[in-house]
N, C-alpha and C. Protein backbone atom coordinates (compact mmCIF):
# COMPACT_ATOMS: atom_id res chain seq x y z
N UNK A 1 -3.94 21.27 -91.46
CA UNK A 1 -4.37 22.43 -90.71
C UNK A 1 -4.16 22.23 -89.21
N UNK A 2 -4.46 21.00 -88.76
CA UNK A 2 -4.27 20.70 -87.34
C UNK A 2 -2.80 20.83 -86.95
N UNK A 3 -1.92 20.40 -87.83
CA UNK A 3 -0.48 20.48 -87.56
C UNK A 3 -0.04 21.94 -87.43
N UNK A 4 -0.54 22.78 -88.30
CA UNK A 4 -0.18 24.19 -88.26
C UNK A 4 -0.65 24.83 -86.96
N UNK A 5 -1.85 24.52 -86.56
CA UNK A 5 -2.37 25.06 -85.30
C UNK A 5 -1.55 24.55 -84.13
N UNK A 6 -1.22 23.27 -84.13
CA UNK A 6 -0.39 22.71 -83.06
C UNK A 6 0.99 23.35 -83.05
N UNK A 7 1.56 23.57 -84.22
CA UNK A 7 2.89 24.19 -84.30
C UNK A 7 2.86 25.61 -83.75
N UNK A 8 1.85 26.38 -84.12
CA UNK A 8 1.72 27.75 -83.61
C UNK A 8 1.53 27.73 -82.10
N UNK A 9 0.72 26.81 -81.61
CA UNK A 9 0.50 26.69 -80.16
C UNK A 9 1.80 26.36 -79.44
N UNK A 10 2.58 25.46 -80.00
CA UNK A 10 3.85 25.07 -79.37
C UNK A 10 4.82 26.24 -79.34
N UNK A 11 4.90 26.98 -80.44
CA UNK A 11 5.80 28.13 -80.47
C UNK A 11 5.36 29.19 -79.47
N UNK A 12 4.06 29.49 -79.42
CA UNK A 12 3.56 30.46 -78.45
C UNK A 12 3.79 30.00 -77.02
N UNK A 13 3.62 28.72 -76.77
CA UNK A 13 3.87 28.18 -75.45
C UNK A 13 5.35 28.33 -75.09
N UNK A 14 6.22 28.07 -76.04
CA UNK A 14 7.66 28.22 -75.78
C UNK A 14 8.04 29.66 -75.49
N UNK A 15 7.50 30.59 -76.24
CA UNK A 15 7.79 32.01 -76.01
C UNK A 15 7.28 32.43 -74.64
N UNK A 16 6.08 32.00 -74.30
CA UNK A 16 5.52 32.32 -72.99
C UNK A 16 6.38 31.73 -71.87
N UNK A 17 6.84 30.52 -72.06
CA UNK A 17 7.66 29.88 -71.04
C UNK A 17 8.97 30.62 -70.84
N UNK A 18 9.57 31.09 -71.92
CA UNK A 18 10.82 31.85 -71.79
C UNK A 18 10.57 33.15 -71.05
N UNK A 19 9.46 33.81 -71.33
CA UNK A 19 9.15 35.05 -70.64
C UNK A 19 8.90 34.82 -69.16
N UNK A 20 8.24 33.73 -68.81
CA UNK A 20 7.99 33.41 -67.41
C UNK A 20 9.29 33.00 -66.72
N UNK A 21 10.10 32.21 -67.40
CA UNK A 21 11.32 31.70 -66.79
C UNK A 21 12.39 32.77 -66.63
N UNK A 22 12.42 33.75 -67.50
CA UNK A 22 13.43 34.81 -67.38
C UNK A 22 12.74 36.16 -67.48
N UNK A 23 12.33 36.71 -66.34
CA UNK A 23 11.63 37.99 -66.36
C UNK A 23 12.52 39.10 -66.91
N UNK A 24 11.89 40.14 -67.39
CA UNK A 24 12.65 41.23 -67.98
C UNK A 24 13.55 41.88 -66.94
N UNK A 25 14.66 42.40 -67.42
CA UNK A 25 15.62 43.04 -66.53
C UNK A 25 15.20 44.49 -66.38
N UNK A 26 14.51 44.77 -65.31
CA UNK A 26 14.05 46.13 -65.05
C UNK A 26 14.89 46.73 -63.94
N UNK A 27 15.00 48.04 -63.96
CA UNK A 27 15.75 48.70 -62.90
C UNK A 27 14.96 48.59 -61.62
N UNK A 28 15.56 47.97 -60.64
CA UNK A 28 14.90 47.84 -59.35
C UNK A 28 15.27 49.04 -58.49
N UNK A 29 14.43 49.31 -57.53
CA UNK A 29 14.71 50.41 -56.63
C UNK A 29 15.91 50.06 -55.76
N UNK A 30 16.76 51.02 -55.47
CA UNK A 30 17.92 50.72 -54.64
C UNK A 30 17.49 50.31 -53.25
N UNK A 31 18.30 49.49 -52.64
CA UNK A 31 18.08 49.09 -51.26
C UNK A 31 18.18 50.34 -50.40
N UNK A 32 17.15 50.62 -49.64
CA UNK A 32 17.10 51.88 -48.90
C UNK A 32 18.20 51.97 -47.85
N UNK A 33 18.70 50.85 -47.37
CA UNK A 33 19.73 50.88 -46.35
C UNK A 33 21.13 51.10 -46.92
N UNK A 34 21.38 50.61 -48.13
CA UNK A 34 22.74 50.61 -48.64
C UNK A 34 22.93 51.39 -49.94
N UNK A 35 21.88 51.69 -50.66
CA UNK A 35 22.02 52.36 -51.93
C UNK A 35 22.34 51.40 -53.06
N UNK A 36 22.47 50.10 -52.79
CA UNK A 36 22.76 49.10 -53.82
C UNK A 36 21.46 48.70 -54.49
N UNK A 37 21.52 48.50 -55.79
CA UNK A 37 20.33 48.06 -56.50
C UNK A 37 20.25 46.54 -56.46
N UNK A 38 19.07 46.04 -56.71
CA UNK A 38 18.87 44.58 -56.73
C UNK A 38 18.60 44.11 -58.15
N UNK A 39 19.27 44.75 -59.13
CA UNK A 39 19.10 44.36 -60.53
C UNK A 39 19.51 42.92 -60.73
N UNK A 40 18.86 42.30 -61.69
CA UNK A 40 19.27 40.97 -62.11
C UNK A 40 20.15 41.14 -63.33
N UNK A 41 20.91 40.12 -63.65
CA UNK A 41 21.78 40.25 -64.81
C UNK A 41 21.38 39.23 -65.86
N UNK A 42 22.22 38.91 -66.79
CA UNK A 42 22.01 38.09 -67.98
C UNK A 42 20.77 37.19 -67.91
N UNK A 43 19.82 37.41 -68.80
CA UNK A 43 18.58 36.64 -68.91
C UNK A 43 17.74 36.67 -67.64
N UNK A 44 17.89 37.67 -66.83
CA UNK A 44 17.09 37.76 -65.62
C UNK A 44 17.53 36.83 -64.52
N UNK A 45 18.70 36.24 -64.66
CA UNK A 45 19.21 35.35 -63.62
C UNK A 45 19.60 36.17 -62.39
N UNK A 46 19.39 35.63 -61.21
CA UNK A 46 19.78 36.37 -60.01
C UNK A 46 21.30 36.36 -59.84
N UNK A 47 21.78 37.35 -59.15
CA UNK A 47 23.20 37.35 -58.80
C UNK A 47 23.41 36.34 -57.69
N UNK A 48 24.62 35.86 -57.53
CA UNK A 48 24.87 34.82 -56.53
C UNK A 48 24.61 35.34 -55.12
N UNK A 49 24.67 36.64 -54.93
CA UNK A 49 24.44 37.22 -53.60
C UNK A 49 23.05 37.85 -53.49
N UNK A 50 22.13 37.40 -54.30
CA UNK A 50 20.78 37.96 -54.38
C UNK A 50 20.11 38.12 -53.02
N UNK A 51 20.23 37.16 -52.15
CA UNK A 51 19.49 37.16 -50.89
C UNK A 51 20.33 37.65 -49.70
N UNK A 52 21.54 38.10 -49.95
CA UNK A 52 22.39 38.61 -48.88
C UNK A 52 22.27 40.12 -48.77
N UNK A 53 22.57 40.64 -47.59
CA UNK A 53 22.65 42.09 -47.43
C UNK A 53 23.94 42.56 -48.10
N UNK A 54 23.89 43.79 -48.62
CA UNK A 54 25.07 44.32 -49.32
C UNK A 54 25.41 45.70 -48.79
N UNK A 55 26.66 46.07 -48.93
CA UNK A 55 27.14 47.40 -48.60
C UNK A 55 27.60 48.08 -49.88
N UNK A 56 27.37 49.37 -49.95
CA UNK A 56 27.85 50.13 -51.09
C UNK A 56 29.31 50.49 -50.83
N UNK A 57 30.18 50.14 -51.79
CA UNK A 57 31.61 50.37 -51.64
C UNK A 57 32.08 51.23 -52.81
N UNK A 58 32.88 52.27 -52.49
CA UNK A 58 33.43 53.13 -53.53
C UNK A 58 34.93 52.87 -53.65
N UNK A 59 35.36 52.57 -54.87
CA UNK A 59 36.77 52.36 -55.14
C UNK A 59 37.45 53.73 -55.18
N UNK A 60 38.43 53.93 -54.32
CA UNK A 60 39.07 55.24 -54.21
C UNK A 60 39.87 55.62 -55.45
N UNK A 61 40.41 54.63 -56.13
CA UNK A 61 41.24 54.92 -57.31
C UNK A 61 40.40 55.32 -58.52
N UNK A 62 39.27 54.65 -58.72
CA UNK A 62 38.46 54.91 -59.92
C UNK A 62 37.13 55.58 -59.63
N UNK A 63 36.77 55.75 -58.37
CA UNK A 63 35.49 56.31 -57.95
C UNK A 63 34.29 55.50 -58.44
N UNK A 64 34.50 54.23 -58.71
CA UNK A 64 33.40 53.35 -59.10
C UNK A 64 32.69 52.86 -57.85
N UNK A 65 31.37 52.84 -57.92
CA UNK A 65 30.55 52.39 -56.80
C UNK A 65 30.09 50.97 -57.11
N UNK A 66 30.25 50.07 -56.14
CA UNK A 66 29.79 48.70 -56.32
C UNK A 66 29.18 48.21 -55.01
N UNK A 67 28.54 47.08 -55.09
CA UNK A 67 27.93 46.48 -53.91
C UNK A 67 28.78 45.30 -53.46
N UNK A 68 29.01 45.25 -52.17
CA UNK A 68 29.79 44.15 -51.62
C UNK A 68 28.89 43.35 -50.68
N UNK A 69 28.67 42.06 -51.00
CA UNK A 69 27.81 41.24 -50.14
C UNK A 69 28.45 40.99 -48.78
N UNK A 70 27.58 40.87 -47.77
CA UNK A 70 28.05 40.62 -46.41
C UNK A 70 27.54 39.25 -45.94
N UNK A 71 28.47 38.41 -45.53
CA UNK A 71 28.11 37.14 -44.89
C UNK A 71 28.28 37.34 -43.38
N UNK A 72 27.18 37.45 -42.68
CA UNK A 72 27.26 37.71 -41.24
C UNK A 72 27.60 36.45 -40.45
N UNK A 73 27.08 35.32 -40.92
CA UNK A 73 27.39 34.06 -40.25
C UNK A 73 27.34 32.92 -41.26
N UNK A 74 27.78 31.77 -40.83
CA UNK A 74 27.87 30.62 -41.74
C UNK A 74 26.49 30.16 -42.21
N UNK A 75 25.45 30.48 -41.46
CA UNK A 75 24.09 30.09 -41.84
C UNK A 75 23.62 30.77 -43.12
N UNK A 76 24.23 31.88 -43.47
CA UNK A 76 23.81 32.60 -44.67
C UNK A 76 24.37 31.99 -45.95
N UNK A 77 25.22 31.00 -45.81
CA UNK A 77 25.71 30.28 -46.99
C UNK A 77 24.52 29.63 -47.71
N UNK A 78 23.49 29.26 -46.96
CA UNK A 78 22.31 28.66 -47.57
C UNK A 78 21.61 29.65 -48.50
N UNK A 79 21.70 30.94 -48.21
CA UNK A 79 21.10 31.94 -49.09
C UNK A 79 21.86 32.02 -50.42
N UNK A 80 23.17 31.86 -50.35
CA UNK A 80 23.96 31.82 -51.59
C UNK A 80 23.60 30.56 -52.38
N UNK A 81 23.47 29.44 -51.67
CA UNK A 81 23.09 28.19 -52.34
C UNK A 81 21.71 28.32 -52.98
N UNK A 82 20.79 29.00 -52.32
CA UNK A 82 19.45 29.20 -52.89
C UNK A 82 19.52 30.02 -54.17
N UNK A 83 20.37 31.03 -54.20
CA UNK A 83 20.52 31.84 -55.42
C UNK A 83 21.12 31.01 -56.55
N UNK A 84 22.09 30.17 -56.25
CA UNK A 84 22.70 29.31 -57.27
C UNK A 84 21.68 28.30 -57.78
N UNK A 85 20.89 27.72 -56.88
CA UNK A 85 19.85 26.77 -57.28
C UNK A 85 18.82 27.48 -58.17
N UNK A 86 18.47 28.70 -57.81
CA UNK A 86 17.52 29.45 -58.64
C UNK A 86 18.08 29.69 -60.04
N UNK A 87 19.37 30.00 -60.13
CA UNK A 87 20.00 30.18 -61.45
C UNK A 87 19.89 28.89 -62.27
N UNK A 88 20.23 27.76 -61.65
CA UNK A 88 20.20 26.48 -62.36
C UNK A 88 18.78 26.12 -62.80
N UNK A 89 17.79 26.42 -61.96
CA UNK A 89 16.40 26.12 -62.32
C UNK A 89 15.94 26.98 -63.49
N UNK A 90 16.36 28.24 -63.51
CA UNK A 90 15.98 29.11 -64.62
C UNK A 90 16.64 28.64 -65.92
N UNK A 91 17.87 28.20 -65.85
CA UNK A 91 18.55 27.67 -67.04
C UNK A 91 17.84 26.40 -67.51
N UNK A 92 17.42 25.55 -66.57
CA UNK A 92 16.72 24.32 -66.96
C UNK A 92 15.38 24.64 -67.62
N UNK A 93 14.73 25.73 -67.22
CA UNK A 93 13.48 26.13 -67.87
C UNK A 93 13.73 26.55 -69.31
N UNK A 94 14.84 27.24 -69.55
CA UNK A 94 15.19 27.64 -70.91
C UNK A 94 15.51 26.40 -71.75
N UNK A 95 16.21 25.44 -71.17
CA UNK A 95 16.54 24.20 -71.89
C UNK A 95 15.26 23.43 -72.23
N UNK A 96 14.32 23.37 -71.28
CA UNK A 96 13.05 22.68 -71.54
C UNK A 96 12.29 23.37 -72.67
N UNK A 97 12.33 24.69 -72.69
CA UNK A 97 11.68 25.44 -73.77
C UNK A 97 12.34 25.12 -75.11
N UNK A 98 13.65 25.01 -75.12
CA UNK A 98 14.35 24.65 -76.36
C UNK A 98 13.92 23.26 -76.83
N UNK A 99 13.76 22.33 -75.88
CA UNK A 99 13.30 20.99 -76.24
C UNK A 99 11.90 21.05 -76.85
N UNK A 100 11.04 21.90 -76.31
CA UNK A 100 9.69 22.03 -76.86
C UNK A 100 9.75 22.54 -78.30
N UNK A 101 10.57 23.53 -78.55
CA UNK A 101 10.69 24.09 -79.90
C UNK A 101 11.25 23.05 -80.87
N UNK A 102 12.31 22.36 -80.47
CA UNK A 102 12.92 21.34 -81.34
C UNK A 102 11.94 20.20 -81.61
N UNK A 103 11.23 19.77 -80.58
CA UNK A 103 10.26 18.69 -80.77
C UNK A 103 9.09 19.16 -81.64
N UNK A 104 8.72 20.42 -81.51
CA UNK A 104 7.66 20.96 -82.36
C UNK A 104 8.07 20.97 -83.82
N UNK A 105 9.30 21.36 -84.06
CA UNK A 105 9.81 21.33 -85.44
C UNK A 105 9.87 19.90 -85.95
N UNK A 106 10.30 18.98 -85.09
CA UNK A 106 10.35 17.57 -85.47
C UNK A 106 8.94 17.04 -85.78
N UNK A 107 7.98 17.48 -85.01
CA UNK A 107 6.59 17.06 -85.23
C UNK A 107 6.09 17.57 -86.58
N UNK A 108 6.42 18.82 -86.89
CA UNK A 108 5.97 19.40 -88.14
C UNK A 108 6.60 18.70 -89.34
N UNK A 109 7.87 18.34 -89.19
CA UNK A 109 8.57 17.72 -90.32
C UNK A 109 8.44 16.20 -90.36
N UNK A 110 7.65 15.62 -89.47
CA UNK A 110 7.52 14.16 -89.43
C UNK A 110 6.74 13.61 -90.63
N UNK A 111 6.00 14.43 -91.32
CA UNK A 111 5.26 14.06 -92.52
C UNK A 111 4.36 12.85 -92.32
N UNK A 112 3.75 12.78 -91.15
CA UNK A 112 2.79 11.72 -90.89
C UNK A 112 3.36 10.38 -90.51
N UNK A 113 4.67 10.27 -90.37
CA UNK A 113 5.26 9.00 -89.93
C UNK A 113 4.85 8.78 -88.48
N UNK A 114 4.14 7.68 -88.20
CA UNK A 114 3.60 7.47 -86.86
C UNK A 114 4.67 7.41 -85.76
N UNK A 115 5.78 6.77 -86.04
CA UNK A 115 6.83 6.63 -85.02
C UNK A 115 7.46 7.98 -84.68
N UNK A 116 7.77 8.75 -85.72
CA UNK A 116 8.39 10.06 -85.50
C UNK A 116 7.41 11.03 -84.83
N UNK A 117 6.15 10.98 -85.21
CA UNK A 117 5.12 11.83 -84.61
C UNK A 117 4.96 11.47 -83.14
N UNK A 118 4.91 10.19 -82.83
CA UNK A 118 4.75 9.75 -81.45
C UNK A 118 5.96 10.17 -80.61
N UNK A 119 7.15 10.02 -81.16
CA UNK A 119 8.37 10.41 -80.44
C UNK A 119 8.38 11.92 -80.18
N UNK A 120 7.96 12.70 -81.17
CA UNK A 120 7.93 14.16 -81.01
C UNK A 120 6.92 14.57 -79.94
N UNK A 121 5.75 13.97 -79.96
CA UNK A 121 4.74 14.29 -78.94
C UNK A 121 5.20 13.90 -77.54
N UNK A 122 5.87 12.74 -77.43
CA UNK A 122 6.40 12.34 -76.12
C UNK A 122 7.45 13.34 -75.63
N UNK A 123 8.30 13.81 -76.54
CA UNK A 123 9.31 14.80 -76.16
C UNK A 123 8.65 16.09 -75.71
N UNK A 124 7.62 16.52 -76.42
CA UNK A 124 6.90 17.74 -76.03
C UNK A 124 6.27 17.58 -74.66
N UNK A 125 5.63 16.46 -74.42
CA UNK A 125 4.99 16.23 -73.12
C UNK A 125 6.02 16.20 -72.00
N UNK A 126 7.12 15.49 -72.22
CA UNK A 126 8.16 15.42 -71.19
C UNK A 126 8.79 16.79 -70.94
N UNK A 127 9.00 17.56 -72.00
CA UNK A 127 9.58 18.90 -71.82
C UNK A 127 8.60 19.82 -71.09
N UNK A 128 7.31 19.69 -71.36
CA UNK A 128 6.32 20.49 -70.65
C UNK A 128 6.29 20.14 -69.17
N UNK A 129 6.42 18.86 -68.87
CA UNK A 129 6.48 18.44 -67.46
C UNK A 129 7.73 19.02 -66.80
N UNK A 130 8.86 18.94 -67.49
CA UNK A 130 10.10 19.50 -66.95
C UNK A 130 10.02 21.01 -66.77
N UNK A 131 9.41 21.69 -67.73
CA UNK A 131 9.24 23.13 -67.64
C UNK A 131 8.35 23.50 -66.46
N UNK A 132 7.29 22.77 -66.27
CA UNK A 132 6.40 23.03 -65.13
C UNK A 132 7.14 22.83 -63.81
N UNK A 133 7.88 21.76 -63.71
CA UNK A 133 8.65 21.50 -62.49
C UNK A 133 9.66 22.61 -62.24
N UNK A 134 10.35 23.05 -63.29
CA UNK A 134 11.35 24.10 -63.15
C UNK A 134 10.73 25.42 -62.70
N UNK A 135 9.58 25.78 -63.27
CA UNK A 135 8.93 27.04 -62.91
C UNK A 135 8.42 26.99 -61.47
N UNK A 136 7.78 25.88 -61.10
CA UNK A 136 7.27 25.76 -59.73
C UNK A 136 8.42 25.74 -58.73
N UNK A 137 9.48 25.02 -59.03
CA UNK A 137 10.63 24.95 -58.13
C UNK A 137 11.31 26.31 -57.99
N UNK A 138 11.41 27.06 -59.10
CA UNK A 138 12.00 28.40 -59.04
C UNK A 138 11.17 29.31 -58.14
N UNK A 139 9.86 29.25 -58.31
CA UNK A 139 8.98 30.08 -57.47
C UNK A 139 9.11 29.68 -56.00
N UNK A 140 9.22 28.40 -55.74
CA UNK A 140 9.35 27.92 -54.37
C UNK A 140 10.68 28.35 -53.74
N UNK A 141 11.76 28.23 -54.48
CA UNK A 141 13.08 28.65 -53.98
C UNK A 141 13.09 30.15 -53.73
N UNK A 142 12.53 30.91 -54.65
CA UNK A 142 12.48 32.37 -54.49
C UNK A 142 11.67 32.75 -53.27
N UNK A 143 10.54 32.09 -53.07
CA UNK A 143 9.69 32.38 -51.91
C UNK A 143 10.39 32.05 -50.61
N UNK A 144 10.98 30.86 -50.54
CA UNK A 144 11.62 30.42 -49.29
C UNK A 144 12.84 31.29 -48.98
N UNK A 145 13.70 31.53 -49.98
CA UNK A 145 14.89 32.33 -49.74
C UNK A 145 14.53 33.78 -49.41
N UNK A 146 13.46 34.29 -50.00
CA UNK A 146 13.01 35.64 -49.71
C UNK A 146 12.55 35.79 -48.28
N UNK A 147 12.02 34.73 -47.71
CA UNK A 147 11.57 34.76 -46.31
C UNK A 147 12.75 34.81 -45.34
N UNK A 148 13.88 34.24 -45.73
CA UNK A 148 15.05 34.22 -44.85
C UNK A 148 15.95 35.41 -45.07
N UNK A 149 15.66 36.23 -46.06
CA UNK A 149 16.53 37.36 -46.41
C UNK A 149 16.57 38.37 -45.27
């Protein structure tokens, strides 16, 4: 019974971690200056130009409207780097969640073998530590880069 409760807890923790690490892709309000939206793409990852100012550009041949990022000076390269770091941290949070799920399954299937149970618990603990670091680092990068935007 304890194993079942632990397994359910681990699965719920993994699902919660994925939701925190990759927020839902909601339609954001357009940038009032340019008309460009600040939508996120695949799994809620930021675009590489997330923290840069953008201009709305219309393709004359196809009439498609897109956003073109503007680099005003070389100092803004750090904003691009912050967006790339944020992407990598979000991916690492998903990987840590996968480790939690795999270790949880390993724990359930260990059938009481002390060595396998201990190894599974160590993997879960290490993945939880990694997930915590990834979430805190993502929040920190988002906060700092948002201040320089």
